């Protein structure tokens, strides 16, 4: 039960990150020291529904995480929460069409192995 709640938290975190990335990518912003451009960028970002949807999923994740913490040891829960690395790798490849090289897949595989070892203990 706890492991499925942790997976749900990781899934909500992934959806949150996808919405935030989508919101920021929809704006053409080049880092600058011009304060007016920075304020304009912040305003444009704040009116993006995707930003607010990201915040909603972040709050849902927080609520589920608090339930997880009430049921499991922090050491176990935090280690198992590394599932979001896997979800992010998959989502960024399939949804955002980002490139995933062999080393990144190897690293993700090692994370999966670590989660399995932690969950078996």
N, C-alpha and C. Protein backbone atom coordinates (compact mmCIF):
# COMPACT_ATOMS: atom_id res chain seq x y z
N UNK A 1 0.83 -1.20 0.00
CA UNK A 1 0.00 0.00 0.00
C UNK A 1 0.87 1.26 0.00
N UNK A 2 1.87 1.28 0.88
CA UNK A 2 2.74 2.46 0.99
C UNK A 2 3.53 2.66 -0.30
N UNK A 3 4.01 1.57 -0.88
CA UNK A 3 4.79 1.69 -2.12
C UNK A 3 3.93 2.25 -3.26
N UNK A 4 2.66 1.88 -3.30
CA UNK A 4 1.79 2.43 -4.34
C UNK A 4 1.51 3.91 -4.10
N UNK A 5 1.42 4.33 -2.85
CA UNK A 5 1.25 5.75 -2.55
C UNK A 5 2.51 6.54 -2.93
N UNK A 6 3.67 5.93 -2.70
CA UNK A 6 4.92 6.59 -3.09
C UNK A 6 4.98 6.70 -4.62
N UNK A 7 4.56 5.67 -5.31
CA UNK A 7 4.53 5.73 -6.79
C UNK A 7 3.57 6.81 -7.26
N UNK A 8 2.44 6.96 -6.58
CA UNK A 8 1.48 8.00 -6.94
C UNK A 8 2.06 9.39 -6.69
N UNK A 9 2.80 9.54 -5.61
CA UNK A 9 3.48 10.81 -5.33
C UNK A 9 4.48 11.12 -6.44
N UNK A 10 5.25 10.11 -6.84
CA UNK A 10 6.23 10.30 -7.91
C UNK A 10 5.55 10.65 -9.23
N UNK A 11 4.42 10.02 -9.49
CA UNK A 11 3.67 10.31 -10.71
C UNK A 11 3.17 11.76 -10.69
N UNK A 12 2.63 12.20 -9.55
CA UNK A 12 2.17 13.59 -9.43
C UNK A 12 3.33 14.57 -9.59
N UNK A 13 4.49 14.24 -9.03
CA UNK A 13 5.68 15.08 -9.19
C UNK A 13 6.08 15.17 -10.66
N UNK A 14 5.99 14.05 -11.36
CA UNK A 14 6.34 14.04 -12.78
C UNK A 14 5.39 14.92 -13.58
N UNK A 15 4.10 14.78 -13.32
CA UNK A 15 3.11 15.61 -14.02
C UNK A 15 3.36 17.07 -13.70
N UNK A 16 3.66 17.37 -12.45
CA UNK A 16 4.00 18.74 -12.04
C UNK A 16 5.15 19.27 -12.88
N UNK A 17 6.22 18.51 -12.98
CA UNK A 17 7.40 18.96 -13.72
C UNK A 17 7.11 19.14 -15.21
N UNK A 18 6.28 18.26 -15.77
CA UNK A 18 5.91 18.40 -17.18
C UNK A 18 5.12 19.69 -17.42
N UNK A 19 4.19 20.00 -16.52
CA UNK A 19 3.43 21.25 -16.67
C UNK A 19 4.35 22.46 -16.52
N UNK A 20 5.26 22.44 -15.54
CA UNK A 20 6.16 23.58 -15.35
C UNK A 20 7.08 23.75 -16.56
N UNK A 21 7.63 22.65 -17.05
CA UNK A 21 8.51 22.72 -18.22
C UNK A 21 7.75 23.24 -19.44
N UNK A 22 6.54 22.77 -19.62
CA UNK A 22 5.71 23.22 -20.73
C UNK A 22 5.41 24.71 -20.62
N UNK A 23 5.10 25.18 -19.43
CA UNK A 23 4.81 26.60 -19.23
C UNK A 23 6.02 27.46 -19.53
N UNK A 24 7.17 27.07 -19.04
CA UNK A 24 8.37 27.88 -19.24
C UNK A 24 8.83 27.83 -20.69
N UNK A 25 8.65 26.67 -21.35
CA UNK A 25 9.05 26.55 -22.75
C UNK A 25 8.16 27.35 -23.68
N UNK A 26 6.94 27.65 -23.24
CA UNK A 26 6.01 28.39 -24.10
C UNK A 26 6.37 29.88 -24.18
N UNK A 27 7.28 30.31 -23.33
CA UNK A 27 7.72 31.71 -23.33
C UNK A 27 9.11 31.81 -23.94
N UNK A 28 9.33 32.84 -24.68
CA UNK A 28 10.67 33.08 -25.22
C UNK A 28 11.39 34.04 -24.29
N UNK A 29 12.16 33.48 -23.39
CA UNK A 29 12.87 34.31 -22.43
C UNK A 29 14.35 34.03 -22.51
N UNK A 30 15.12 35.07 -22.64
CA UNK A 30 16.56 34.98 -22.59
C UNK A 30 17.00 35.64 -21.28
N UNK A 31 17.78 34.93 -20.47
CA UNK A 31 18.22 35.53 -19.21
C UNK A 31 18.85 36.91 -19.43
N UNK A 32 18.44 37.84 -18.59
CA UNK A 32 18.88 39.22 -18.73
C UNK A 32 18.93 39.89 -17.36
N UNK A 33 19.61 41.00 -17.30
CA UNK A 33 19.63 41.79 -16.07
C UNK A 33 18.64 42.95 -16.14
N UNK A 34 17.91 43.04 -17.23
CA UNK A 34 16.91 44.09 -17.41
C UNK A 34 15.71 43.78 -16.52
N UNK A 35 15.49 44.60 -15.51
CA UNK A 35 14.44 44.34 -14.52
C UNK A 35 13.05 44.37 -15.14
N UNK A 36 12.83 45.23 -16.12
CA UNK A 36 11.52 45.28 -16.78
C UNK A 36 11.21 43.99 -17.54
N UNK A 37 12.23 43.45 -18.21
CA UNK A 37 12.04 42.19 -18.93
C UNK A 37 11.79 41.03 -17.96
N UNK A 38 12.44 41.09 -16.82
CA UNK A 38 12.25 40.05 -15.81
C UNK A 38 10.82 40.10 -15.27
N UNK A 39 10.32 41.29 -14.95
CA UNK A 39 8.95 41.42 -14.45
C UNK A 39 7.93 41.02 -15.51
N UNK A 40 8.19 41.38 -16.75
CA UNK A 40 7.30 41.00 -17.85
C UNK A 40 7.26 39.48 -17.98
N UNK A 41 8.43 38.85 -17.89
CA UNK A 41 8.51 37.39 -17.96
C UNK A 41 7.73 36.75 -16.81
N UNK A 42 7.90 37.26 -15.59
CA UNK A 42 7.20 36.70 -14.43
C UNK A 42 5.69 36.84 -14.61
N UNK A 43 5.24 38.00 -15.08
CA UNK A 43 3.81 38.20 -15.31
C UNK A 43 3.30 37.23 -16.36
N UNK A 44 4.03 37.09 -17.47
CA UNK A 44 3.61 36.16 -18.52
C UNK A 44 3.55 34.72 -18.00
N UNK A 45 4.47 34.38 -17.14
CA UNK A 45 4.49 33.04 -16.57
C UNK A 45 3.32 32.82 -15.62
N UNK A 46 3.01 33.84 -14.81
CA UNK A 46 1.95 33.70 -13.83
C UNK A 46 0.56 33.57 -14.46
N UNK A 47 0.40 34.00 -15.69
CA UNK A 47 -0.92 33.87 -16.32
C UNK A 47 -1.05 32.59 -17.14
N UNK A 48 -0.05 31.75 -17.09
CA UNK A 48 -0.09 30.47 -17.80
C UNK A 48 -0.85 29.43 -16.96
N UNK A 49 -1.95 28.89 -17.47
CA UNK A 49 -2.67 27.86 -16.71
C UNK A 49 -1.81 26.64 -16.40
N UNK A 50 -0.86 26.32 -17.30
CA UNK A 50 0.00 25.16 -17.07
C UNK A 50 0.85 25.32 -15.81
N UNK A 51 1.24 26.55 -15.51
CA UNK A 51 2.00 26.80 -14.29
C UNK A 51 1.15 26.44 -13.07
N UNK A 52 -0.09 26.88 -13.09
CA UNK A 52 -0.99 26.64 -11.96
C UNK A 52 -1.38 25.17 -11.85
N UNK A 53 -1.53 24.50 -12.98
CA UNK A 53 -1.78 23.06 -12.94
C UNK A 53 -0.59 22.33 -12.32
N UNK A 54 0.60 22.79 -12.64
CA UNK A 54 1.79 22.22 -12.01
C UNK A 54 1.76 22.39 -10.50
N UNK A 55 1.36 23.57 -10.04
CA UNK A 55 1.25 23.81 -8.60
C UNK A 55 0.19 22.91 -7.96
N UNK A 56 -0.91 22.69 -8.67
CA UNK A 56 -1.97 21.81 -8.14
C UNK A 56 -1.43 20.39 -7.95
N UNK A 57 -0.73 19.88 -8.95
CA UNK A 57 -0.17 18.53 -8.82
C UNK A 57 0.91 18.47 -7.74
N UNK A 58 1.60 19.57 -7.54
CA UNK A 58 2.58 19.62 -6.46
C UNK A 58 1.89 19.53 -5.09
N UNK A 59 0.78 20.20 -4.95
CA UNK A 59 0.02 20.14 -3.69
C UNK A 59 -0.58 18.75 -3.47
N UNK A 60 -1.08 18.14 -4.54
CA UNK A 60 -1.60 16.77 -4.42
C UNK A 60 -0.49 15.83 -3.97
N UNK A 61 0.68 15.98 -4.59
CA UNK A 61 1.83 15.17 -4.23
C UNK A 61 2.20 15.36 -2.76
N UNK A 62 2.18 16.61 -2.31
CA UNK A 62 2.50 16.89 -0.91
C UNK A 62 1.52 16.20 0.02
N UNK A 63 0.23 16.26 -0.31
CA UNK A 63 -0.78 15.61 0.53
C UNK A 63 -0.56 14.11 0.63
N UNK A 64 -0.29 13.48 -0.51
CA UNK A 64 -0.03 12.04 -0.52
C UNK A 64 1.25 11.73 0.26
N UNK A 65 2.26 12.57 0.07
CA UNK A 65 3.55 12.36 0.76
C UNK A 65 3.38 12.42 2.27
N UNK A 66 2.53 13.31 2.75
CA UNK A 66 2.30 13.39 4.20
C UNK A 66 1.64 12.11 4.72
N UNK A 67 0.75 11.53 3.92
CA UNK A 67 0.16 10.24 4.29
C UNK A 67 1.24 9.16 4.32
N UNK A 68 2.11 9.16 3.32
CA UNK A 68 3.21 8.18 3.27
C UNK A 68 4.08 8.30 4.51
N UNK A 69 4.42 9.53 4.87
CA UNK A 69 5.29 9.73 6.04
C UNK A 69 4.63 9.26 7.34
N UNK A 70 3.31 9.29 7.38
CA UNK A 70 2.63 8.82 8.58
C UNK A 70 2.61 7.30 8.66
N UNK A 71 2.89 6.63 7.54
CA UNK A 71 2.80 5.17 7.48
C UNK A 71 4.15 4.46 7.38
N UNK A 72 5.19 5.15 6.92
CA UNK A 72 6.46 4.47 6.62
C UNK A 72 7.63 5.21 7.25
N UNK A 73 8.74 4.49 7.38
CA UNK A 73 9.98 5.12 7.83
C UNK A 73 10.46 6.09 6.77
N UNK A 74 11.00 7.21 7.21
CA UNK A 74 11.49 8.23 6.28
C UNK A 74 12.57 7.67 5.36
N UNK A 75 13.48 6.87 5.92
CA UNK A 75 14.57 6.31 5.12
C UNK A 75 14.03 5.48 3.95
N UNK A 76 13.06 4.63 4.23
CA UNK A 76 12.45 3.82 3.17
C UNK A 76 11.69 4.68 2.18
N UNK A 77 10.84 5.56 2.70
CA UNK A 77 9.98 6.37 1.84
C UNK A 77 10.81 7.26 0.91
N UNK A 78 11.83 7.88 1.45
CA UNK A 78 12.63 8.79 0.63
C UNK A 78 13.41 8.04 -0.42
N UNK A 79 13.91 6.87 -0.08
CA UNK A 79 14.63 6.06 -1.06
C UNK A 79 13.70 5.59 -2.17
N UNK A 80 12.53 5.13 -1.80
CA UNK A 80 11.57 4.65 -2.79
C UNK A 80 11.02 5.79 -3.63
N UNK A 81 11.01 7.00 -3.10
CA UNK A 81 10.52 8.16 -3.84
C UNK A 81 11.43 8.49 -5.02
N UNK A 82 12.55 7.84 -5.11
CA UNK A 82 13.44 8.04 -6.26
C UNK A 82 12.81 7.54 -7.55
N UNK A 83 11.63 6.93 -7.46
CA UNK A 83 10.91 6.51 -8.66
C UNK A 83 10.65 7.68 -9.58
N UNK A 84 10.57 8.88 -9.02
CA UNK A 84 10.28 10.01 -9.90
C UNK A 84 11.40 10.24 -10.92
N UNK A 85 12.62 9.80 -10.62
CA UNK A 85 13.69 9.89 -11.61
C UNK A 85 13.36 9.03 -12.83
N UNK A 86 12.79 7.87 -12.58
CA UNK A 86 12.41 6.97 -13.67
C UNK A 86 11.27 7.59 -14.47
N UNK A 87 10.25 8.07 -13.75
CA UNK A 87 9.09 8.66 -14.43
C UNK A 87 9.50 9.88 -15.25
N UNK A 88 10.37 10.71 -14.70
CA UNK A 88 10.83 11.90 -15.41
C UNK A 88 11.61 11.50 -16.66
N UNK A 89 12.48 10.50 -16.54
CA UNK A 89 13.26 10.05 -17.70
C UNK A 89 12.33 9.57 -18.81
N UNK A 90 11.35 8.77 -18.44
CA UNK A 90 10.41 8.26 -19.45
C UNK A 90 9.56 9.38 -20.04
N UNK A 91 9.02 10.24 -19.19
CA UNK A 91 8.14 11.32 -19.66
C UNK A 91 8.90 12.33 -20.52
N UNK A 92 10.12 12.66 -20.12
CA UNK A 92 10.87 13.65 -20.91
C UNK A 92 11.23 13.07 -22.28
N UNK A 93 11.44 11.77 -22.35
CA UNK A 93 11.74 11.15 -23.63
C UNK A 93 10.51 11.03 -24.52
N UNK A 94 9.42 10.52 -23.94
CA UNK A 94 8.22 10.25 -24.75
C UNK A 94 7.36 11.49 -24.98
N UNK A 95 7.20 12.32 -23.97
CA UNK A 95 6.30 13.46 -24.09
C UNK A 95 7.01 14.71 -24.59
N UNK A 96 8.17 15.01 -24.00
CA UNK A 96 8.89 16.22 -24.39
C UNK A 96 9.87 15.98 -25.55
N UNK A 97 10.02 14.72 -25.94
CA UNK A 97 10.92 14.35 -27.05
C UNK A 97 12.37 14.74 -26.79
N UNK A 98 12.78 14.69 -25.52
CA UNK A 98 14.18 14.97 -25.19
C UNK A 98 15.01 13.71 -25.45
N UNK A 99 16.26 13.92 -25.77
CA UNK A 99 17.17 12.80 -26.08
C UNK A 99 17.64 12.14 -24.79
N UNK A 100 17.63 10.81 -24.82
CA UNK A 100 18.12 10.02 -23.69
C UNK A 100 19.25 9.13 -24.20
N UNK A 101 20.47 9.45 -23.79
CA UNK A 101 21.62 8.66 -24.21
C UNK A 101 21.78 7.41 -23.37
N UNK A 102 22.67 6.53 -23.80
CA UNK A 102 22.88 5.26 -23.08
C UNK A 102 23.32 5.45 -21.63
N UNK A 103 24.16 6.45 -21.37
CA UNK A 103 24.61 6.67 -19.99
C UNK A 103 23.45 7.09 -19.09
N UNK A 104 22.56 7.90 -19.63
CA UNK A 104 21.40 8.34 -18.83
C UNK A 104 20.49 7.15 -18.54
N UNK A 105 20.29 6.27 -19.54
CA UNK A 105 19.48 5.08 -19.32
C UNK A 105 20.15 4.14 -18.32
N UNK A 106 21.48 4.05 -18.39
CA UNK A 106 22.21 3.23 -17.41
C UNK A 106 22.01 3.78 -16.01
N UNK A 107 22.13 5.08 -15.86
CA UNK A 107 21.90 5.70 -14.55
C UNK A 107 20.50 5.46 -14.04
N UNK A 108 19.51 5.57 -14.93
CA UNK A 108 18.12 5.31 -14.55
C UNK A 108 17.95 3.85 -14.14
N UNK A 109 18.61 2.94 -14.85
CA UNK A 109 18.57 1.53 -14.48
C UNK A 109 19.17 1.27 -13.11
N UNK A 110 20.24 1.96 -12.80
CA UNK A 110 20.86 1.81 -11.48
C UNK A 110 19.92 2.33 -10.38
N UNK A 111 19.19 3.39 -10.68
CA UNK A 111 18.20 3.89 -9.72
C UNK A 111 17.12 2.84 -9.48
N UNK A 112 16.67 2.20 -10.56
CA UNK A 112 15.66 1.14 -10.43
C UNK A 112 16.20 0.02 -9.54
N UNK A 113 17.44 -0.38 -9.77
CA UNK A 113 18.05 -1.44 -8.94
C UNK A 113 18.10 -1.01 -7.48
N UNK A 114 18.45 0.24 -7.23
CA UNK A 114 18.50 0.74 -5.86
C UNK A 114 17.13 0.71 -5.20
N UNK A 115 16.09 1.09 -5.94
CA UNK A 115 14.73 1.08 -5.39
C UNK A 115 14.32 -0.35 -5.04
N UNK A 116 14.68 -1.29 -5.91
CA UNK A 116 14.34 -2.70 -5.63
C UNK A 116 15.04 -3.16 -4.37
N UNK A 117 16.31 -2.86 -4.22
CA UNK A 117 17.05 -3.27 -3.01
C UNK A 117 16.44 -2.65 -1.76
N UNK A 118 16.10 -1.38 -1.82
CA UNK A 118 15.52 -0.71 -0.65
C UNK A 118 14.15 -1.30 -0.32
N UNK A 119 13.33 -1.55 -1.35
CA UNK A 119 11.98 -2.06 -1.08
C UNK A 119 12.00 -3.48 -0.54
N UNK A 120 13.07 -4.24 -0.83
CA UNK A 120 13.17 -5.61 -0.31
C UNK A 120 13.68 -5.66 1.13
N UNK A 121 14.18 -4.55 1.61
CA UNK A 121 14.75 -4.57 2.98
C UNK A 121 13.70 -4.31 4.04
